[in-house]
C-alpha atoms as a PDB file:
ATOM      1  CA  MET A   1     118.578 127.074  88.729  1.00  0.00           C
ATOM      2  CA  SER A   2     117.480 125.567  85.450  1.00  0.00           C
ATOM      3  CA  GLU A   3     114.326 123.548  85.082  1.00  0.00           C
ATOM      4  CA  PRO A   4     114.763 119.927  84.014  1.00  0.00           C
ATOM      5  CA  SER A   5     113.565 118.703  80.658  1.00  0.00           C
ATOM      6  CA  PHE A   6     112.612 115.198  81.781  1.00  0.00           C
ATOM      7  CA  VAL A   7     109.270 113.693  80.855  1.00  0.00           C
ATOM      8  CA  PRO A   8     106.722 114.642  83.519  1.00  0.00           C
ATOM      9  CA  GLY A   9     105.041 111.965  85.574  1.00  0.00           C
ATOM     10  CA  PRO A  10     103.345 109.843  86.209  1.00  0.00           C
ATOM     11  CA  TRP A  11     105.893 107.163  85.558  1.00  0.00           C
ATOM     12  CA  ARG A  12     105.098 103.616  86.592  1.00  0.00           C
ATOM     13  CA  PHE A  13     106.963 100.448  87.467  1.00  0.00           C
ATOM     14  CA  VAL A  14     105.943  97.260  85.718  1.00  0.00           C
ATOM     15  CA  ASN A  15     107.188  94.147  87.438  1.00  0.00           C
ATOM     16  CA  GLY A  16     107.523  90.821  85.677  1.00  0.00           C
ATOM     17  CA  ASN A  17     109.950  88.901  83.489  1.00  0.00           C
ATOM     18  CA  LEU A  18     111.335  92.189  82.192  1.00  0.00           C
ATOM     19  CA  PRO A  19     111.120  94.719  85.041  1.00  0.00           C
ATOM     20  CA  ARG A  20     110.827  98.195  83.592  1.00  0.00           C
ATOM     21  CA  VAL A  21     109.823 101.759  84.268  1.00  0.00           C
ATOM     22  CA  VAL A  22     107.333 103.221  81.814  1.00  0.00           C
ATOM     23  CA  VAL A  23     108.135 106.894  81.352  1.00  0.00           C
ATOM     24  CA  GLY A  24     105.298 109.163  80.350  1.00  0.00           C
ATOM     25  CA  GLN A  25     101.660 108.521  79.593  1.00  0.00           C
ATOM     26  CA  ASP A  26     100.985 105.466  77.436  1.00  0.00           C
ATOM     27  CA  CYS A  27     104.703 104.792  76.861  1.00  0.00           C
ATOM     28  CA  VAL A  28     105.022 107.994  74.837  1.00  0.00           C
ATOM     29  CA  ALA A  29     108.521 108.610  76.147  1.00  0.00           C
ATOM     30  CA  GLY A  30     109.690 105.023  76.266  1.00  0.00           C
ATOM     31  CA  VAL A  31     110.310 102.071  78.483  1.00  0.00           C
ATOM     32  CA  HIS A  32     113.500 101.700  80.466  1.00  0.00           C
ATOM     33  CA  LYS A  33     114.718  98.272  81.516  1.00  0.00           C
ATOM     34  CA  ILE A  34     116.021  98.430  85.045  1.00  0.00           C
ATOM     35  CA  GLY A  35     117.414  94.965  85.534  1.00  0.00           C
ATOM     36  CA  SER A  36     116.996  91.299  85.050  1.00  0.00           C
ATOM     37  CA  PHE A  37     116.082  88.744  87.659  1.00  0.00           C
ATOM     38  CA  SER A  38     118.742  86.512  86.119  1.00  0.00           C
ATOM     39  CA  GLY A  39     121.357  89.237  86.644  1.00  0.00           C
ATOM     40  CA  ARG A  40     123.466  90.156  89.625  1.00  0.00           C
ATOM     41  CA  HIS A  41     120.723  91.836  91.699  1.00  0.00           C
ATOM     42  CA  LYS A  42     118.117  90.146  93.816  1.00  0.00           C
ATOM     43  CA  PRO A  43     114.513  90.417  92.599  1.00  0.00           C
ATOM     44  CA  GLU A  44     113.546  92.488  95.636  1.00  0.00           C
ATOM     45  CA  THR A  45     116.373  94.948  94.874  1.00  0.00           C
ATOM     46  CA  ILE A  46     115.235  95.350  91.271  1.00  0.00           C
ATOM     47  CA  THR A  47     111.656  95.842  92.439  1.00  0.00           C
ATOM     48  CA  ALA A  48     112.687  98.468  94.999  1.00  0.00           C
ATOM     49  CA  ASN A  49     114.775 100.281  92.362  1.00  0.00           C
ATOM     50  CA  GLY A  50     111.824 100.226  89.967  1.00  0.00           C
ATOM     51  CA  TYR A  51     109.440 101.816  92.434  1.00  0.00           C
ATOM     52  CA  LEU A  52     112.032 104.454  93.341  1.00  0.00           C
ATOM     53  CA  LEU A  53     112.633 105.331  89.679  1.00  0.00           C
ATOM     54  CA  ALA A  54     108.915 105.485  88.983  1.00  0.00           C
ATOM     55  CA  ALA A  55     108.499 107.956  91.849  1.00  0.00           C
ATOM     56  CA  ALA A  56     111.258 110.256  90.534  1.00  0.00           C
ATOM     57  CA  PRO A  57     109.043 112.970  88.991  1.00  0.00           C
ATOM     58  CA  GLU A  58     106.956 113.291  92.136  1.00  0.00           C
ATOM     59  CA  LEU A  59     110.034 113.232  94.370  1.00  0.00           C
ATOM     60  CA  TYR A  60     111.587 116.024  92.304  1.00  0.00           C
ATOM     61  CA  THR A  61     108.436 118.147  92.501  1.00  0.00           C
ATOM     62  CA  GLU A  62     108.054 117.701  96.256  1.00  0.00           C
ATOM     63  CA  LEU A  63     111.726 118.511  96.904  1.00  0.00           C
ATOM     64  CA  LEU A  64     111.304 121.655  94.841  1.00  0.00           C
ATOM     65  CA  HIS A  65     108.283 122.626  96.966  1.00  0.00           C
ATOM     66  CA  LEU A  66     110.257 121.923 100.142  1.00  0.00           C
ATOM     67  CA  VAL A  67     113.101 124.181  99.030  1.00  0.00           C
ATOM     68  CA  ARG A  68     110.725 126.977  98.036  1.00  0.00           C
ATOM     69  CA  LEU A  69     108.957 126.763 101.399  1.00  0.00           C
ATOM     70  CA  MET A  70     112.172 126.713 103.427  1.00  0.00           C
ATOM     71  CA  GLU A  71     114.076 129.479 101.622  1.00  0.00           C
ATOM     72  CA  PRO A  72     112.102 132.353 103.193  1.00  0.00           C
ATOM     73  CA  ILE A  73     112.794 130.862 106.626  1.00  0.00           C
ATOM     74  CA  GLU A  74     116.488 130.675 105.735  1.00  0.00           C
ATOM     75  CA  ASP A  75     116.430 134.286 104.465  1.00  0.00           C
ATOM     76  CA  ARG A  76     115.008 135.444 107.828  1.00  0.00           C
ATOM     77  CA  GLY A  77     117.792 133.610 109.676  1.00  0.00           C
ATOM     78  CA  GLN A  78     115.278 131.362 111.426  1.00  0.00           C
ATOM     79  CA  LEU A  79     116.514 128.025 110.109  1.00  0.00           C
ATOM     80  CA  ASP A  80     118.376 125.875 112.609  1.00  0.00           C
ATOM     81  CA  VAL A  81     121.372 123.688 111.716  1.00  0.00           C
ATOM     82  CA  PRO A  82     119.363 120.497 111.012  1.00  0.00           C
ATOM     83  CA  GLY A  83     116.911 122.501 108.915  1.00  0.00           C
ATOM     84  CA  LEU A  84     119.731 124.114 106.963  1.00  0.00           C
ATOM     85  CA  ALA A  85     121.316 120.709 106.376  1.00  0.00           C
ATOM     86  CA  THR A  86     117.978 119.417 105.075  1.00  0.00           C
ATOM     87  CA  LEU A  87     117.570 122.422 102.794  1.00  0.00           C
ATOM     88  CA  ASN A  88     121.090 122.069 101.411  1.00  0.00           C
ATOM     89  CA  GLY A  89     120.602 118.327 100.910  1.00  0.00           C
ATOM     90  CA  ALA A  90     117.391 118.982  98.994  1.00  0.00           C
ATOM     91  CA  ARG A  91     119.163 121.579  96.857  1.00  0.00           C
ATOM     92  CA  ALA A  92     121.970 119.123  96.115  1.00  0.00           C
ATOM     93  CA  ALA A  93     119.518 116.376  95.144  1.00  0.00           C
ATOM     94  CA  LEU A  94     117.687 118.752  92.801  1.00  0.00           C
ATOM     95  CA  ALA A  95     120.975 119.836  91.238  1.00  0.00           C
ATOM     96  CA  LYS A  96     121.942 116.202  90.707  1.00  0.00           C
ATOM     97  CA  ALA A  97     118.598 115.523  89.029  1.00  0.00           C
ATOM     98  CA  ARG A  98     119.248 118.461  86.697  1.00  0.00           C
ATOM     99  CA  GLY A  99     122.727 117.189  85.854  1.00  0.00           C
ATOM    100  CA  GLU A 100     124.459 120.072  87.614  1.00  0.00           C
ATOM    101  CA  GLN A 101     126.592 117.880  89.889  1.00  0.00           C
END
């Protein structure tokens, strides 16, 4: 499992005429436009997408912690079917974030 090379958080969502996600401290890594209120998406959809994108670094880190905590339980054969499905879903999401899927 490779480690991602994305800019670490915090990222933040800035709402307004040009909704955007600011990546990295003090815009060091750039600003990413996520939509336009005059476009095809509703303002509340753009806002929700912005907050989700801004949370991406923290979501990645917490999923990684979840996987690392659950793997010993899996190794001992003590993980039930729903737990295994959760673990595999977390692994798949991490792989997607790393560009492996």
